[in-house]
Amino acid sequence: MKKALLLCLFGICSIIAQAQFPYNGAIATTDPTFTRPNEGSPPTALSTQGTNVYYDVVPYVVTVAGLVTITCTTPNPDFDTYGFLYSPAGFDPLNPLTNVLLGDDDSGPGLNFALTYNFTTPGTYYLVITTLKPTLTGSYTLSITEGGPLPVRLVSFTAEKSGTGRNLLKWTGAGESGILQYEIQHSSDGARFKNIIGATVEARNVSTNSSYNFADIAPFQKLNFYRLKITEKTGATTFSTIAVVNNGKSISTMRVFPNPAANYLSIQTKAGQSGKAAVSIISGTGQIVYKSDHTIASESIVYLDVKKLSAGNYFVRIKTADGTTTNLPFVKH
């Protein structure tokens, strides 16, 4: 019965396969539901917050190979959309991690997604449009932009304190193309960033992963916020996520700050901790609203975006590579 239903859904999709872009659609309570993946290239885990969310499926016919950006816009600034791209092998809502190529949350205007993908094989691909939470509905428009250089995808960007009074920054880019350079920017408060003099690194622009590193020899005595300014040869610029290092006194316990938190929450690891850490945010009712793996180093800081969490009481659960689990309460304003 379920297989028959899926075949029926794909039959409906094939009718609109030649739809023109911009494509206008709407997420409504009459749409089917599924558990959406998290964003990623490709996504590797299902969301704990996006369960039973409504979704639309829009086929996209690729006739010529090349780079395409699919951008979502909405008339409601509070309508938070997610977008996923599936291969010609199809989309199965019962197994949403199968055949998924790319997932995005906020790369488009406002709270909307933008998917940039280098199509190498013609065929019918599938766009899945969904939302942050199960209660969200609204209209949307999909637009297509073809061509342009394929931007770099950062595999990782980390910062850690060394024993020589320096902070070591490391990052890895995948499939660089048309990238001019990386500039390391530094801040004491996470809001006002300035370029570090002499910290401009030329991109290699190779198809395989490229790893880079830089040593900040004059860090601030306490908190140090770092990000990468990535400049393409066209002049377009993007920024990496923020990495944080505390160059204050060594600490023997893990902590979170600021508490209460409004937009961002920092997790300060203790001396001697390193490796993979499973980080979860759990609401006061026991619901897991965030879950992801992070790489930590001794006295490093994990920087979490909590803007979309509702106001209330939460706690962060961190399970480190040595098997230790730490629960730290915080309040979201």
C-alpha atoms as a PDB file:
ATOM      1  CA  MET A   1       0.000   0.000   0.000  1.00  0.00           C
ATOM      2  CA  LYS A   2       2.813   2.428   0.933  1.00  0.00           C
ATOM      3  CA  LYS A   3       4.727   1.615  -2.261  1.00  0.00           C
ATOM      4  CA  ALA A   4       1.580   2.220  -4.290  1.00  0.00           C
ATOM      5  CA  LEU A   5       1.128   5.584  -2.586  1.00  0.00           C
ATOM      6  CA  LEU A   6       4.701   6.587  -3.390  1.00  0.00           C
ATOM      7  CA  LEU A   7       4.257   5.609  -7.023  1.00  0.00           C
ATOM      8  CA  CYS A   8       1.095   7.670  -7.110  1.00  0.00           C
ATOM      9  CA  LEU A   9       2.921  10.692  -5.708  1.00  0.00           C
ATOM     10  CA  PHE A  10       5.649  10.400  -8.334  1.00  0.00           C
ATOM     11  CA  GLY A  11       2.969  10.093 -10.989  1.00  0.00           C
ATOM     12  CA  ILE A  12       1.539  13.428  -9.864  1.00  0.00           C
ATOM     13  CA  CYS A  13       5.042  14.919  -9.840  1.00  0.00           C
ATOM     14  CA  SER A  14       5.645  13.899 -13.446  1.00  0.00           C
ATOM     15  CA  ILE A  15       2.645  15.968 -14.540  1.00  0.00           C
ATOM     16  CA  ILE A  16       4.309  19.200 -13.349  1.00  0.00           C
ATOM     17  CA  ALA A  17       7.829  18.196 -14.418  1.00  0.00           C
ATOM     18  CA  GLN A  18       7.766  20.831 -17.160  1.00  0.00           C
ATOM     19  CA  ALA A  19       6.619  23.638 -14.817  1.00  0.00           C
ATOM     20  CA  GLN A  20       8.165  26.997 -15.526  1.00  0.00           C
ATOM     21  CA  PHE A  21      10.442  28.819 -13.100  1.00  0.00           C
ATOM     22  CA  PRO A  22       9.914  30.966 -11.103  1.00  0.00           C
ATOM     23  CA  TYR A  23       7.704  28.301  -9.548  1.00  0.00           C
ATOM     24  CA  ASN A  24       5.011  29.372  -7.078  1.00  0.00           C
ATOM     25  CA  GLY A  25       3.854  26.936  -4.408  1.00  0.00           C
ATOM     26  CA  ALA A  26       2.585  26.719  -0.857  1.00  0.00           C
ATOM     27  CA  ILE A  27       3.086  24.518   2.199  1.00  0.00           C
ATOM     28  CA  ALA A  28      -0.382  23.720   3.582  1.00  0.00           C
ATOM     29  CA  THR A  29      -1.938  21.472   6.217  1.00  0.00           C
ATOM     30  CA  THR A  30      -3.279  19.280   3.388  1.00  0.00           C
ATOM     31  CA  ASP A  31       0.284  18.359   2.346  1.00  0.00           C
ATOM     32  CA  PRO A  32       1.914  15.070   3.418  1.00  0.00           C
ATOM     33  CA  THR A  33       4.402  15.031   6.307  1.00  0.00           C
ATOM     34  CA  PHE A  34       7.806  13.454   6.948  1.00  0.00           C
ATOM     35  CA  THR A  35      10.834  13.823   9.200  1.00  0.00           C
ATOM     36  CA  ARG A  36      13.214  16.105   7.373  1.00  0.00           C
ATOM     37  CA  PRO A  37      16.991  15.716   7.340  1.00  0.00           C
ATOM     38  CA  ASN A  38      19.350  18.298   8.785  1.00  0.00           C
ATOM     39  CA  GLU A  39      21.149  20.521   6.293  1.00  0.00           C
ATOM     40  CA  GLY A  40      24.391  19.225   4.749  1.00  0.00           C
ATOM     41  CA  SER A  41      26.261  18.254   1.590  1.00  0.00           C
ATOM     42  CA  PRO A  42      24.777  15.688   1.714  1.00  0.00           C
ATOM     43  CA  PRO A  43      22.751  15.543   4.935  1.00  0.00           C
ATOM     44  CA  THR A  44      23.726  12.617   7.145  1.00  0.00           C
ATOM     45  CA  ALA A  45      21.179  12.762   9.982  1.00  0.00           C
ATOM     46  CA  LEU A  46      17.477  13.358  10.507  1.00  0.00           C
ATOM     47  CA  SER A  47      16.282  16.404  12.415  1.00  0.00           C
ATOM     48  CA  THR A  48      14.961  16.076  15.947  1.00  0.00           C
ATOM     49  CA  GLN A  49      13.037  19.330  15.578  1.00  0.00           C
ATOM     50  CA  GLY A  50      11.615  18.809  12.096  1.00  0.00           C
ATOM     51  CA  THR A  51       9.429  15.765  12.723  1.00  0.00           C
ATOM     52  CA  ASN A  52       6.043  15.538  10.965  1.00  0.00           C
ATOM     53  CA  VAL A  53       6.718  18.666   8.913  1.00  0.00           C
ATOM     54  CA  TYR A  54       4.646  19.360   5.789  1.00  0.00           C
ATOM     55  CA  TYR A  55       6.442  19.175   2.449  1.00  0.00           C
ATOM     56  CA  ASP A  56       6.085  19.711  -1.306  1.00  0.00           C
ATOM     57  CA  VAL A  57       7.955  17.857  -4.054  1.00  0.00           C
ATOM     58  CA  VAL A  58       8.802  19.786  -7.229  1.00  0.00           C
ATOM     59  CA  PRO A  59      10.621  17.945 -10.051  1.00  0.00           C
ATOM     60  CA  TYR A  60      13.419  19.842 -11.761  1.00  0.00           C
ATOM     61  CA  VAL A  61      14.444  18.698 -15.235  1.00  0.00           C
ATOM     62  CA  VAL A  62      18.149  19.088 -16.048  1.00  0.00           C
ATOM     63  CA  THR A  63      18.906  18.975 -19.764  1.00  0.00           C
ATOM     64  CA  VAL A  64      22.384  20.526 -19.781  1.00  0.00           C
ATOM     65  CA  ALA A  65      25.123  19.956 -17.207  1.00  0.00           C
ATOM     66  CA  GLY A  66      26.250  22.973 -15.207  1.00  0.00           C
ATOM     67  CA  LEU A  67      26.051  24.956 -11.992  1.00  0.00           C
ATOM     68  CA  VAL A  68      22.560  25.987 -10.833  1.00  0.00           C
ATOM     69  CA  THR A  69      21.354  27.913  -7.779  1.00  0.00           C
ATOM     70  CA  ILE A  70      17.747  27.337  -6.674  1.00  0.00           C
ATOM     71  CA  THR A  71      16.582  30.133  -4.364  1.00  0.00           C
ATOM     72  CA  CYS A  72      13.431  30.218  -2.236  1.00  0.00           C
ATOM     73  CA  THR A  73      11.648  33.451  -1.296  1.00  0.00           C
ATOM     74  CA  THR A  74       8.517  33.945   0.803  1.00  0.00           C
ATOM     75  CA  PRO A  75       6.198  36.931   1.435  1.00  0.00           C
ATOM     76  CA  ASN A  76       6.109  36.156   5.170  1.00  0.00           C
ATOM     77  CA  PRO A  77       9.471  37.050   6.825  1.00  0.00           C
ATOM     78  CA  ASP A  78       8.755  34.591   9.669  1.00  0.00           C
ATOM     79  CA  PHE A  79       8.163  31.604   7.359  1.00  0.00           C
ATOM     80  CA  ASP A  80      11.344  29.516   7.801  1.00  0.00           C
ATOM     81  CA  THR A  81      11.895  27.147   4.869  1.00  0.00           C
ATOM     82  CA  TYR A  82      14.259  24.222   4.321  1.00  0.00           C
ATOM     83  CA  GLY A  83      15.186  22.852   0.885  1.00  0.00           C
ATOM     84  CA  PHE A  84      16.556  19.480  -0.216  1.00  0.00           C
ATOM     85  CA  LEU A  85      17.752  18.213  -3.588  1.00  0.00           C
ATOM     86  CA  TYR A  86      17.316  14.548  -4.505  1.00  0.00           C
ATOM     87  CA  SER A  87      18.920  12.626  -7.357  1.00  0.00           C
ATOM     88  CA  PRO A  88      16.989  11.120 -10.300  1.00  0.00           C
ATOM     89  CA  ALA A  89      16.783   7.913  -8.226  1.00  0.00           C
ATOM     90  CA  GLY A  90      13.881   9.626  -6.453  1.00  0.00           C
ATOM     91  CA  PHE A  91      12.626  10.865  -3.102  1.00  0.00           C
ATOM     92  CA  ASP A  92      11.188   8.438  -0.542  1.00  0.00           C
ATOM     93  CA  PRO A  93       9.574  10.211   2.440  1.00  0.00           C
ATOM     94  CA  LEU A  94       9.941   7.028   4.492  1.00  0.00           C
ATOM     95  CA  ASN A  95      13.723   7.085   3.898  1.00  0.00           C
ATOM     96  CA  PRO A  96      14.562  10.780   3.451  1.00  0.00           C
ATOM     97  CA  LEU A  97      18.340  10.298   3.701  1.00  0.00           C
ATOM     98  CA  THR A  98      18.328   8.042   0.646  1.00  0.00           C
ATOM     99  CA  ASN A  99      19.326   9.745  -2.640  1.00  0.00           C
ATOM    100  CA  VAL A 100      19.601  13.191  -1.015  1.00  0.00           C
ATOM    101  CA  LEU A 101      22.367  15.318  -2.537  1.00  0.00           C
ATOM    102  CA  LEU A 102      22.120  18.612  -0.699  1.00  0.00           C
ATOM    103  CA  GLY A 103      20.141  20.294   2.075  1.00  0.00           C
ATOM    104  CA  ASP A 104      20.048  23.938   3.155  1.00  0.00           C
ATOM    105  CA  ASP A 105      18.323  26.180   5.695  1.00  0.00           C
ATOM    106  CA  ASP A 106      19.239  29.885   5.616  1.00  0.00           C
ATOM    107  CA  SER A 107      21.565  30.485   2.632  1.00  0.00           C
ATOM    108  CA  GLY A 108      18.798  32.354   0.782  1.00  0.00           C
ATOM    109  CA  PRO A 109      17.050  35.643   1.625  1.00  0.00           C
ATOM    110  CA  GLY A 110      15.810  35.953   5.214  1.00  0.00           C
ATOM    111  CA  LEU A 111      14.951  32.554   6.705  1.00  0.00           C
ATOM    112  CA  ASN A 112      14.836  30.799   3.335  1.00  0.00           C
ATOM    113  CA  PHE A 113      17.037  28.249   1.641  1.00  0.00           C
ATOM    114  CA  ALA A 114      19.247  28.431  -1.451  1.00  0.00           C
ATOM    115  CA  LEU A 115      20.640  25.279  -3.060  1.00  0.00           C
ATOM    116  CA  THR A 116      23.736  25.549  -5.267  1.00  0.00           C
ATOM    117  CA  TYR A 117      24.643  22.355  -7.092  1.00  0.00           C
ATOM    118  CA  ASN A 118      26.892  21.433 -10.017  1.00  0.00           C
ATOM    119  CA  PHE A 119      24.739  19.118 -12.146  1.00  0.00           C
ATOM    120  CA  THR A 120      26.943  16.757 -14.142  1.00  0.00           C
ATOM    121  CA  THR A 121      24.249  14.332 -15.354  1.00  0.00           C
ATOM    122  CA  PRO A 122      21.005  15.331 -17.121  1.00  0.00           C
ATOM    123  CA  GLY A 123      17.778  13.910 -15.735  1.00  0.00           C
ATOM    124  CA  THR A 124      14.804  14.673 -13.509  1.00  0.00           C
ATOM    125  CA  TYR A 125      15.864  15.701 -10.017  1.00  0.00           C
ATOM    126  CA  TYR A 126      13.510  16.369  -7.093  1.00  0.00           C
ATOM    127  CA  LEU A 127      13.268  19.484  -4.931  1.00  0.00           C
ATOM    128  CA  VAL A 128      11.678  18.964  -1.530  1.00  0.00           C
ATOM    129  CA  ILE A 129      10.431  22.152   0.108  1.00  0.00           C
ATOM    130  CA  THR A 130       9.633  21.970   3.817  1.00  0.00           C
ATOM    131  CA  THR A 131       9.857  23.956   7.060  1.00  0.00           C
ATOM    132  CA  LEU A 132      11.718  24.354  10.334  1.00  0.00           C
ATOM    133  CA  LYS A 133       8.803  23.209  12.528  1.00  0.00           C
ATOM    134  CA  PRO A 134       5.593  21.182  12.011  1.00  0.00           C
ATOM    135  CA  THR A 135       3.332  24.191  12.639  1.00  0.00           C
ATOM    136  CA  LEU A 136       4.664  26.378   9.813  1.00  0.00           C
ATOM    137  CA  THR A 137       2.713  26.871   6.575  1.00  0.00           C
ATOM    138  CA  GLY A 138       2.842  29.511   3.859  1.00  0.00           C
ATOM    139  CA  SER A 139       3.493  30.337   0.225  1.00  0.00           C
ATOM    140  CA  TYR A 140       6.875  30.386  -1.510  1.00  0.00           C
ATOM    141  CA  THR A 141       8.544  31.059  -4.861  1.00  0.00           C
ATOM    142  CA  LEU A 142      11.449  29.110  -6.363  1.00  0.00           C
ATOM    143  CA  SER A 143      13.762  30.862  -8.823  1.00  0.00           C
ATOM    144  CA  ILE A 144      16.630  29.413 -10.855  1.00  0.00           C
ATOM    145  CA  THR A 145      20.011  31.006 -11.573  1.00  0.00           C
ATOM    146  CA  GLU A 146      22.336  29.179 -13.953  1.00  0.00           C
ATOM    147  CA  GLY A 147      26.101  29.421 -14.294  1.00  0.00           C
ATOM    148  CA  GLY A 148      28.781  31.069 -12.180  1.00  0.00           C
ATOM    149  CA  PRO A 149      31.773  29.575 -10.348  1.00  0.00           C
ATOM    150  CA  LEU A 150      31.109  26.751  -7.922  1.00  0.00           C
ATOM    151  CA  PRO A 151      31.821  28.158  -4.424  1.00  0.00           C
ATOM    152  CA  VAL A 152      33.966  26.356  -1.908  1.00  0.00           C
ATOM    153  CA  ARG A 153      32.339  24.103   0.688  1.00  0.00           C
ATOM    154  CA  LEU A 154      34.102  24.252   4.038  1.00  0.00           C
ATOM    155  CA  VAL A 155      34.491  20.797   5.521  1.00  0.00           C
ATOM    156  CA  SER A 156      35.765  22.230   8.808  1.00  0.00           C
ATOM    157  CA  PHE A 157      37.048  25.414  10.465  1.00  0.00           C
ATOM    158  CA  THR A 158      38.583  25.147  13.937  1.00  0.00           C
ATOM    159  CA  ALA A 159      40.639  27.248  16.337  1.00  0.00           C
ATOM    160  CA  GLU A 160      42.570  26.054  19.375  1.00  0.00           C
ATOM    161  CA  LYS A 161      45.047  27.384  21.920  1.00  0.00           C
ATOM    162  CA  SER A 162      48.617  26.136  21.663  1.00  0.00           C
ATOM    163  CA  GLY A 163      51.178  25.956  24.432  1.00  0.00           C
ATOM    164  CA  THR A 164      53.289  28.748  22.930  1.00  0.00           C
ATOM    165  CA  GLY A 165      50.889  31.662  23.410  1.00  0.00           C
ATOM    166  CA  ARG A 166      49.465  31.260  19.932  1.00  0.00           C
ATOM    167  CA  ASN A 167      46.086  30.224  18.563  1.00  0.00           C
ATOM    168  CA  LEU A 168      46.136  27.683  15.758  1.00  0.00           C
ATOM    169  CA  LEU A 169      43.500  28.016  13.024  1.00  0.00           C
ATOM    170  CA  LYS A 170      42.812  25.145  10.647  1.00  0.00           C
ATOM    171  CA  TRP A 171      40.322  24.766   7.825  1.00  0.00           C
ATOM    172  CA  THR A 172      39.581  22.425   4.944  1.00  0.00           C
ATOM    173  CA  GLY A 173      37.773  23.306   1.717  1.00  0.00           C
ATOM    174  CA  ALA A 174      36.208  20.770  -0.661  1.00  0.00           C
ATOM    175  CA  GLY A 175      36.103  21.195  -4.425  1.00  0.00           C
ATOM    176  CA  GLU A 176      37.399  24.752  -4.654  1.00  0.00           C
ATOM    177  CA  SER A 177      36.639  26.504  -7.932  1.00  0.00           C
ATOM    178  CA  GLY A 178      36.927  30.207  -8.692  1.00  0.00           C
ATOM    179  CA  ILE A 179      38.067  31.049  -5.144  1.00  0.00           C
ATOM    180  CA  LEU A 180      40.558  33.920  -4.898  1.00  0.00           C
ATOM    181  CA  GLN A 181      41.568  33.901  -1.233  1.00  0.00           C
ATOM    182  CA  TYR A 182      40.744  33.362   2.422  1.00  0.00           C
ATOM    183  CA  GLU A 183      41.140  36.208   4.921  1.00  0.00           C
ATOM    184  CA  ILE A 184      41.169  35.484   8.655  1.00  0.00           C
ATOM    185  CA  GLN A 185      39.132  37.950  10.684  1.00  0.00           C
ATOM    186  CA  HIS A 186      39.430  38.441  14.442  1.00  0.00           C
ATOM    187  CA  SER A 187      37.097  39.830  17.127  1.00  0.00           C
ATOM    188  CA  SER A 188      36.982  40.164  20.899  1.00  0.00           C
ATOM    189  CA  ASP A 189      33.177  40.141  21.128  1.00  0.00           C
ATOM    190  CA  GLY A 190      31.938  38.057  18.170  1.00  0.00           C
ATOM    191  CA  ALA A 191      30.280  41.098  16.579  1.00  0.00           C
ATOM    192  CA  ARG A 192      32.985  43.475  15.327  1.00  0.00           C
ATOM    193  CA  PHE A 193      35.567  41.699  13.160  1.00  0.00           C
ATOM    194  CA  LYS A 194      38.797  43.024  11.669  1.00  0.00           C
ATOM    195  CA  ASN A 195      41.237  41.398   9.262  1.00  0.00           C
ATOM    196  CA  ILE A 196      44.431  40.092  10.849  1.00  0.00           C
ATOM    197  CA  ILE A 197      47.374  41.782   9.105  1.00  0.00           C
ATOM    198  CA  GLY A 198      49.241  39.234   7.012  1.00  0.00           C
ATOM    199  CA  ALA A 199      46.513  36.612   7.403  1.00  0.00           C
ATOM    200  CA  THR A 200      45.461  36.353   3.746  1.00  0.00           C
ATOM    201  CA  VAL A 201      45.825  32.885   2.212  1.00  0.00           C
ATOM    202  CA  GLU A 202      45.597  32.251  -1.531  1.00  0.00           C
ATOM    203  CA  ALA A 203      43.200  29.455  -2.497  1.00  0.00           C
ATOM    204  CA  ARG A 204      44.600  26.418  -4.299  1.00  0.00           C
ATOM    205  CA  ASN A 205      41.457  25.720  -6.404  1.00  0.00           C
ATOM    206  CA  VAL A 206      41.831  21.959  -6.706  1.00  0.00           C
ATOM    207  CA  SER A 207      39.065  19.364  -7.059  1.00  0.00           C
ATOM    208  CA  THR A 208      40.199  17.434  -3.970  1.00  0.00           C
ATOM    209  CA  ASN A 209      40.134  18.683  -0.373  1.00  0.00           C
ATOM    210  CA  SER A 210      42.560  21.491   0.478  1.00  0.00           C
ATOM    211  CA  SER A 211      43.757  21.944   4.065  1.00  0.00           C
ATOM    212  CA  TYR A 212      45.109  25.241   5.399  1.00  0.00           C
ATOM    213  CA  ASN A 213      46.467  26.525   8.710  1.00  0.00           C
ATOM    214  CA  PHE A 214      47.508  29.806  10.283  1.00  0.00           C
ATOM    215  CA  ALA A 215      48.960  30.783  13.670  1.00  0.00           C
ATOM    216  CA  ASP A 216      47.689  33.928  15.397  1.00  0.00           C
ATOM    217  CA  ILE A 217      50.763  35.070  17.339  1.00  0.00           C
ATOM    218  CA  ALA A 218      48.978  37.956  19.116  1.00  0.00           C
ATOM    219  CA  PRO A 219      45.629  36.708  20.440  1.00  0.00           C
ATOM    220  CA  PHE A 220      43.556  38.596  22.980  1.00  0.00           C
ATOM    221  CA  GLN A 221      44.117  37.580  26.602  1.00  0.00           C
ATOM    222  CA  LYS A 222      40.539  36.308  27.006  1.00  0.00           C
ATOM    223  CA  LEU A 223      38.014  35.443  24.299  1.00  0.00           C
ATOM    224  CA  ASN A 224      39.072  35.295  20.645  1.00  0.00           C
ATOM    225  CA  PHE A 225      36.456  34.982  17.891  1.00  0.00           C
ATOM    226  CA  TYR A 226      37.627  34.003  14.398  1.00  0.00           C
ATOM    227  CA  ARG A 227      35.945  33.662  11.012  1.00  0.00           C
ATOM    228  CA  LEU A 228      37.032  33.306   7.387  1.00  0.00           C
ATOM    229  CA  LYS A 229      36.162  35.855   4.736  1.00  0.00           C
ATOM    230  CA  ILE A 230      36.070  33.877   1.488  1.00  0.00           C
ATOM    231  CA  THR A 231      36.470  35.934  -1.695  1.00  0.00           C
ATOM    232  CA  GLU A 232      35.677  34.523  -5.125  1.00  0.00           C
ATOM    233  CA  LYS A 233      37.415  35.679  -8.291  1.00  0.00           C
ATOM    234  CA  THR A 234      34.182  37.413  -9.285  1.00  0.00           C
ATOM    235  CA  GLY A 235      34.459  39.592  -6.175  1.00  0.00           C
ATOM    236  CA  ALA A 236      31.622  37.857  -4.316  1.00  0.00           C
ATOM    237  CA  THR A 237      32.302  37.205  -0.637  1.00  0.00           C
ATOM    238  CA  THR A 238      30.950  34.804   1.984  1.00  0.00           C
ATOM    239  CA  PHE A 239      31.840  34.122   5.612  1.00  0.00           C
ATOM    240  CA  SER A 240      32.508  30.919   7.514  1.00  0.00           C
ATOM    241  CA  THR A 241      31.035  29.924  10.826  1.00  0.00           C
ATOM    242  CA  ILE A 242      32.729  31.435  13.899  1.00  0.00           C
ATOM    243  CA  ALA A 243      35.400  29.595  15.891  1.00  0.00           C
ATOM    244  CA  VAL A 244      36.208  30.713  19.445  1.00  0.00           C
ATOM    245  CA  VAL A 245      39.255  30.303  21.726  1.00  0.00           C
ATOM    246  CA  ASN A 246      39.580  31.388  25.362  1.00  0.00           C
ATOM    247  CA  ASN A 247      43.103  32.568  26.142  1.00  0.00           C
ATOM    248  CA  GLY A 248      42.303  33.300  29.777  1.00  0.00           C
ATOM    249  CA  LYS A 249      43.199  31.126  32.707  1.00  0.00           C
ATOM    250  CA  SER A 250      42.991  27.362  32.344  1.00  0.00           C
ATOM    251  CA  ILE A 251      39.741  25.916  33.625  1.00  0.00           C
ATOM    252  CA  SER A 252      39.068  22.547  35.201  1.00  0.00           C
ATOM    253  CA  THR A 253      35.320  22.359  34.501  1.00  0.00           C
ATOM    254  CA  MET A 254      33.166  22.725  31.422  1.00  0.00           C
ATOM    255  CA  ARG A 255      30.806  25.722  31.291  1.00  0.00           C
ATOM    256  CA  VAL A 256      28.367  27.577  29.019  1.00  0.00           C
ATOM    257  CA  PHE A 257      28.033  31.326  28.450  1.00  0.00           C
ATOM    258  CA  PRO A 258      26.383  33.784  28.137  1.00  0.00           C
ATOM    259  CA  ASN A 259      23.630  32.567  30.420  1.00  0.00           C
ATOM    260  CA  PRO A 260      20.917  33.669  29.739  1.00  0.00           C
ATOM    261  CA  ALA A 261      21.577  33.445  25.994  1.00  0.00           C
ATOM    262  CA  ALA A 262      19.813  35.376  23.227  1.00  0.00           C
ATOM    263  CA  ASN A 263      21.428  34.553  19.873  1.00  0.00           C
ATOM    264  CA  TYR A 264      24.506  32.405  20.526  1.00  0.00           C
ATOM    265  CA  LEU A 265      25.655  30.001  23.202  1.00  0.00           C
ATOM    266  CA  SER A 266      29.298  29.100  23.817  1.00  0.00           C
ATOM    267  CA  ILE A 267      30.453  25.845  25.419  1.00  0.00           C
ATOM    268  CA  GLN A 268      33.882  26.131  27.044  1.00  0.00           C
ATOM    269  CA  THR A 269      35.673  22.770  27.170  1.00  0.00           C
ATOM    270  CA  LYS A 270      38.092  22.047  29.993  1.00  0.00           C
ATOM    271  CA  ALA A 271      41.832  21.493  29.819  1.00  0.00           C
ATOM    272  CA  GLY A 272      42.866  18.147  28.370  1.00  0.00           C
ATOM    273  CA  GLN A 273      39.664  17.428  26.440  1.00  0.00           C
ATOM    274  CA  SER A 274      39.957  16.643  22.724  1.00  0.00           C
ATOM    275  CA  GLY A 275      38.398  14.649  19.928  1.00  0.00           C
ATOM    276  CA  LYS A 276      34.785  14.200  18.862  1.00  0.00           C
ATOM    277  CA  ALA A 277      31.987  15.378  21.140  1.00  0.00           C
ATOM    278  CA  ALA A 278      28.260  14.711  20.744  1.00  0.00           C
ATOM    279  CA  VAL A 279      26.399  17.928  21.628  1.00  0.00           C
ATOM    280  CA  SER A 280      22.647  18.084  22.266  1.00  0.00           C
ATOM    281  CA  ILE A 281      20.304  20.829  23.441  1.00  0.00           C
ATOM    282  CA  ILE A 282      17.323  19.538  25.405  1.00  0.00           C
ATOM    283  CA  SER A 283      14.240  21.568  26.305  1.00  0.00           C
ATOM    284  CA  GLY A 284      12.641  21.747  29.730  1.00  0.00           C
ATOM    285  CA  THR A 285      10.065  19.176  28.569  1.00  0.00           C
ATOM    286  CA  GLY A 286      12.787  16.700  27.610  1.00  0.00           C
ATOM    287  CA  GLN A 287      12.643  17.221  23.824  1.00  0.00           C
ATOM    288  CA  ILE A 288      15.944  17.173  21.926  1.00  0.00           C
ATOM    289  CA  VAL A 289      15.889  20.348  19.806  1.00  0.00           C
ATOM    290  CA  TYR A 290      19.489  20.207  18.553  1.00  0.00           C
ATOM    291  CA  LYS A 291      21.959  17.380  18.055  1.00  0.00           C
ATOM    292  CA  SER A 292      25.295  17.357  16.246  1.00  0.00           C
ATOM    293  CA  ASP A 293      28.892  16.143  16.527  1.00  0.00           C
ATOM    294  CA  HIS A 294      31.684  18.675  17.079  1.00  0.00           C
ATOM    295  CA  THR A 295      35.469  18.396  17.119  1.00  0.00           C
ATOM    296  CA  ILE A 296      36.920  19.884  20.299  1.00  0.00           C
ATOM    297  CA  ALA A 297      40.423  20.621  21.544  1.00  0.00           C
ATOM    298  CA  SER A 298      41.763  21.415  24.987  1.00  0.00           C
ATOM    299  CA  GLU A 299      40.048  24.575  26.286  1.00  0.00           C
ATOM    300  CA  SER A 300      38.340  25.226  22.970  1.00  0.00           C
ATOM    301  CA  ILE A 301      34.865  26.703  22.580  1.00  0.00           C
ATOM    302  CA  VAL A 302      31.901  25.250  20.715  1.00  0.00           C
ATOM    303  CA  TYR A 303      29.785  28.110  19.320  1.00  0.00           C
ATOM    304  CA  LEU A 304      26.059  27.322  18.862  1.00  0.00           C
ATOM    305  CA  ASP A 305      23.395  29.401  17.117  1.00  0.00           C
ATOM    306  CA  VAL A 306      20.287  29.408  19.361  1.00  0.00           C
ATOM    307  CA  LYS A 307      18.351  32.281  17.759  1.00  0.00           C
ATOM    308  CA  LYS A 308      15.518  29.999  16.639  1.00  0.00           C
ATOM    309  CA  LEU A 309      14.926  28.400  20.039  1.00  0.00           C
ATOM    310  CA  SER A 310      11.823  29.515  21.897  1.00  0.00           C
ATOM    311  CA  ALA A 311      12.337  31.344  25.183  1.00  0.00           C
ATOM    312  CA  GLY A 312      12.599  28.995  28.142  1.00  0.00           C
ATOM    313  CA  ASN A 313      14.822  26.666  30.156  1.00  0.00           C
ATOM    314  CA  TYR A 314      17.190  24.240  28.424  1.00  0.00           C
ATOM    315  CA  PHE A 315      20.311  22.259  29.124  1.00  0.00           C
ATOM    316  CA  VAL A 316      23.250  21.283  26.940  1.00  0.00           C
ATOM    317  CA  ARG A 317      24.411  17.673  27.063  1.00  0.00           C
ATOM    318  CA  ILE A 318      28.002  17.014  25.938  1.00  0.00           C
ATOM    319  CA  LYS A 319      29.365  13.495  25.593  1.00  0.00           C
ATOM    320  CA  THR A 320      33.110  13.552  24.959  1.00  0.00           C
ATOM    321  CA  ALA A 321      35.359  10.945  23.391  1.00  0.00           C
ATOM    322  CA  ASP A 322      36.382   9.541  26.790  1.00  0.00           C
ATOM    323  CA  GLY A 323      32.738   8.647  27.514  1.00  0.00           C
ATOM    324  CA  THR A 324      32.125  11.496  29.975  1.00  0.00           C
ATOM    325  CA  THR A 325      28.683  13.121  29.809  1.00  0.00           C
ATOM    326  CA  THR A 326      28.134  16.664  31.140  1.00  0.00           C
ATOM    327  CA  ASN A 327      24.770  18.427  31.494  1.00  0.00           C
ATOM    328  CA  LEU A 328      24.827  22.237  31.698  1.00  0.00           C
ATOM    329  CA  PRO A 329      21.600  24.262  32.192  1.00  0.00           C
ATOM    330  CA  PHE A 330      20.970  27.580  30.464  1.00  0.00           C
ATOM    331  CA  VAL A 331      18.108  29.991  29.827  1.00  0.00           C
ATOM    332  CA  LYS A 332      17.096  31.226  26.362  1.00  0.00           C
ATOM    333  CA  HIS A 333      15.684  34.774  26.228  1.00  0.00           C
END
